[in-house]
Structure formats: C-alpha cells, structure tokens
C-alpha cells in the first residue's frame, strides 16, 4: 500500500511538471509571435521612412496565411493600454491560435526626425476576441527614422 501511495505521488508530480512545461511553452510561443509581428510592422514602416499615410494592408499580405484573420480597427489605439505618441492605426490579427492587437504610433522628435512605435498585445486566454490589458502581455518596439519631406516647389 505504501508503494502505491509513493508511486501515485510521483505520478502526480510528473503530470504537474508536464502541464507547467506545456503552459510555459505556449506562453513563449505567443510572445515570439508577437515580437515577430511587431518587427514586421515596424521594419515595413521604416522602409517607407515613417510616412503617416502608412497602411500595412497595402504592402503586406495580411489577409491570408500565416495571418488568417485581420481587422483594421482605425486609430483608436489598444483598448486599456497606456497611450504613446500619436496613434496612427490599430489592427486585430488572429494567427497561431491567438488574437493579437497591433498599434502603430509615432512621435515627432526634431526637424525631420520621427520615432515610430509598434505595440503588440494579446488576450489573457489567447483566444478571446476582446483585450483585457495586462502589461505582462505587451511587447513594444520603436525606431527613429528621418522621414522624407518633399521639396517645396
């Protein structure tokens, strides 16, 4: 009987370890996907010198694989997240089994210098279509760019 109890305790310990490991792997996978999305948007925007008419829908194929769902939310910003700079556009994207919210914002610095920022957040349960903001589920990227000002005629 004692051997059965010991074996049961060991089995429960192994199963809880496997559950925790799977949960951490899922969280890491979502964070990596969010980072890749943020860098994709930021680098594409930087390639256009930070223009304020930037729309990734024109340049990136956001409606097909691997981004299976894409919704332009306009310039409202991330719901519940602290705002930064001048919001440009926000998007909700479903990929890799998770909803992500992507916000593009910019901040004029000096002269032709502008700081571009991309924030990416995801839902607490990974699949909810509404965002409950949690700073642990947010990644931010920013980059300075000299934006193009056409010469005056």
Protein backbone atom coordinates (compact mmCIF):
# COMPACT_ATOMS: atom_id res chain seq x y z
CA UNK A 1 0.00 0.00 0.00
CA UNK A 2 2.84 2.41 0.84
CA UNK A 3 4.48 1.71 -2.52
CA UNK A 4 1.21 2.58 -4.31
CA UNK A 5 0.96 5.90 -2.47
CA UNK A 6 4.58 6.76 -3.33
CA UNK A 7 4.04 5.84 -6.98
CA UNK A 8 0.87 7.98 -7.05
CA UNK A 9 2.67 10.99 -5.56
CA UNK A 10 5.46 10.65 -8.13
CA UNK A 11 2.93 10.34 -11.00
CA UNK A 12 1.08 13.47 -9.87
CA UNK A 13 4.39 15.37 -9.66
CA UNK A 14 5.38 14.31 -13.18
CA UNK A 15 1.96 15.25 -14.62
CA UNK A 16 2.00 18.69 -12.97
CA UNK A 17 5.50 19.30 -14.32
CA UNK A 18 4.35 18.37 -17.84
CA UNK A 19 1.37 20.71 -17.56
CA UNK A 20 3.56 23.61 -16.37
CA UNK A 21 6.09 22.95 -19.13
CA UNK A 22 3.36 22.94 -21.80
CA UNK A 23 1.89 26.16 -20.42
CA UNK A 24 5.28 27.93 -20.43
CA UNK A 25 5.99 26.70 -23.96
CA UNK A 26 2.66 28.14 -25.15
CA UNK A 27 3.34 31.49 -23.49
CA UNK A 28 6.80 31.62 -25.05
CA UNK A 29 5.41 30.78 -28.48
CA UNK A 30 2.84 33.59 -28.23
CA UNK A 31 5.49 36.10 -27.11
CA UNK A 32 7.75 35.13 -30.04
CA UNK A 33 4.84 35.52 -32.48
CA UNK A 34 4.01 38.94 -31.01
CA UNK A 35 7.65 40.01 -31.37
CA UNK A 36 7.76 38.89 -34.99
CA UNK A 37 4.53 40.72 -35.78
CA UNK A 38 5.83 43.90 -34.17
CA UNK A 39 9.11 43.76 -36.04
CA UNK A 40 7.32 43.01 -39.33
CA UNK A 41 5.14 46.10 -39.00
CA UNK A 42 7.95 48.33 -37.73
CA UNK A 43 10.52 47.39 -40.37
CA UNK A 44 7.96 47.74 -43.17
CA UNK A 45 7.01 51.18 -41.88
CA UNK A 46 10.66 52.21 -41.54
CA UNK A 47 11.22 51.16 -45.18
CA UNK A 48 8.72 53.88 -46.12
CA UNK A 49 10.55 56.47 -43.97
CA UNK A 50 7.75 56.65 -41.40
CA UNK A 51 5.09 58.23 -43.59
CA UNK A 52 1.83 58.98 -41.76
CA UNK A 53 -0.24 57.50 -44.59
CA UNK A 54 1.31 54.07 -43.98
CA UNK A 55 -1.17 51.21 -44.24
CA UNK A 56 0.30 47.72 -43.96
CA UNK A 57 -2.69 46.30 -45.81
CA UNK A 58 -1.31 47.90 -48.97
CA UNK A 59 2.16 46.40 -48.51
CA UNK A 60 1.77 43.21 -46.50
CA UNK A 61 -0.50 40.30 -47.36
CA UNK A 62 -2.30 40.33 -44.01
CA UNK A 63 -5.48 38.53 -45.00
CA UNK A 64 -4.01 35.17 -45.90
CA UNK A 65 -1.72 32.57 -44.34
CA UNK A 66 0.02 32.79 -41.97
CA UNK A 67 -2.19 35.65 -40.72
CA UNK A 68 -5.59 34.00 -41.03
CA UNK A 69 -7.69 36.88 -39.67
CA UNK A 70 -7.07 40.60 -39.93
CA UNK A 71 -9.24 43.58 -38.93
CA UNK A 72 -8.35 47.25 -39.25
CA UNK A 73 -9.55 48.99 -36.05
CA UNK A 74 -8.67 52.52 -37.18
CA UNK A 75 -6.76 54.95 -34.97
CA UNK A 76 -8.36 54.05 -31.63
CA UNK A 77 -5.29 52.53 -30.02
CA UNK A 78 -5.04 49.43 -27.87
CA UNK A 79 -8.04 49.14 -25.53
CA UNK A 80 -6.95 49.72 -21.95
CA UNK A 81 -3.25 50.13 -22.79
CA UNK A 82 -1.44 53.35 -21.91
CA UNK A 83 -1.21 55.54 -24.99
CA UNK A 84 2.07 56.64 -26.50
CA UNK A 85 2.61 59.28 -29.17
CA UNK A 86 0.15 59.96 -31.95
CA UNK A 87 -1.82 56.80 -32.77
CA UNK A 88 -1.79 56.01 -36.47
CA UNK A 89 -3.66 52.72 -36.88
CA UNK A 90 -4.60 49.63 -34.88
CA UNK A 91 -5.24 46.09 -36.04
CA UNK A 92 -6.57 42.85 -34.62
CA UNK A 93 -4.91 39.79 -36.08
CA UNK A 94 -5.60 36.12 -35.45
CA UNK A 95 -2.65 33.86 -36.07
CA UNK A 96 -1.08 30.86 -34.41
CA UNK A 97 -4.28 30.23 -32.41
CA UNK A 98 -4.16 33.65 -30.71
CA UNK A 99 -5.68 37.12 -31.17
CA UNK A 100 -3.12 39.94 -31.28
CA UNK A 101 -3.70 43.69 -31.19
CA UNK A 102 -1.13 45.80 -33.04
CA UNK A 103 -0.95 49.56 -32.60
CA UNK A 104 1.17 51.87 -34.76
CA UNK A 105 2.06 55.27 -33.31
CA UNK A 106 4.64 57.97 -34.00
CA UNK A 107 6.19 60.88 -32.18
CA UNK A 108 7.82 63.85 -33.93
CA UNK A 109 11.22 64.48 -32.34
CA UNK A 110 13.01 67.34 -34.05
CA UNK A 111 13.09 68.56 -37.64
CA UNK A 112 12.75 65.54 -39.92
CA UNK A 113 13.31 63.01 -37.13
CA UNK A 114 10.38 60.88 -36.03
CA UNK A 115 10.16 57.99 -33.57
CA UNK A 116 7.99 55.15 -34.82
CA UNK A 117 6.45 52.77 -32.32
CA UNK A 118 4.66 49.45 -32.62
CA UNK A 119 2.91 47.85 -29.64
CA UNK A 120 1.59 44.29 -29.74
CA UNK A 121 -0.71 42.83 -27.06
CA UNK A 122 -2.59 39.53 -26.79
CA UNK A 123 -5.52 38.21 -24.80
CA UNK A 124 -5.18 36.53 -21.43
CA UNK A 125 -6.67 33.25 -22.62
CA UNK A 126 -5.00 33.54 -26.06
CA UNK A 127 -8.29 33.15 -27.99
CA UNK A 128 -10.58 35.87 -26.64
CA UNK A 129 -11.69 38.47 -29.18
CA UNK A 130 -11.60 41.20 -26.52
CA UNK A 131 -8.46 42.56 -24.94
CA UNK A 132 -8.11 42.87 -21.18
CA UNK A 133 -4.89 44.84 -20.91
CA UNK A 134 -2.09 43.25 -18.91
CA UNK A 135 1.42 44.76 -19.09
CA UNK A 136 2.88 41.23 -18.99
CA UNK A 137 1.21 40.57 -22.34
CA UNK A 138 2.57 43.54 -24.26
CA UNK A 139 5.69 43.99 -26.37
CA UNK A 140 6.82 47.34 -27.76
CA UNK A 141 9.29 48.27 -30.44
CA UNK A 142 10.41 51.70 -31.54
CA UNK A 143 12.87 53.11 -34.00
CA UNK A 144 13.96 56.57 -35.03
CA UNK A 145 13.72 57.45 -38.70
CA UNK A 146 14.41 60.53 -40.77
CA UNK A 147 11.20 60.93 -42.70
CA UNK A 148 11.09 62.27 -46.22
CA UNK A 149 9.81 65.78 -46.76
CA UNK A 150 9.29 66.55 -50.43
CA UNK A 151 10.94 69.77 -51.61
CA UNK A 152 8.63 72.75 -51.93
CA UNK A 153 8.02 73.95 -55.50
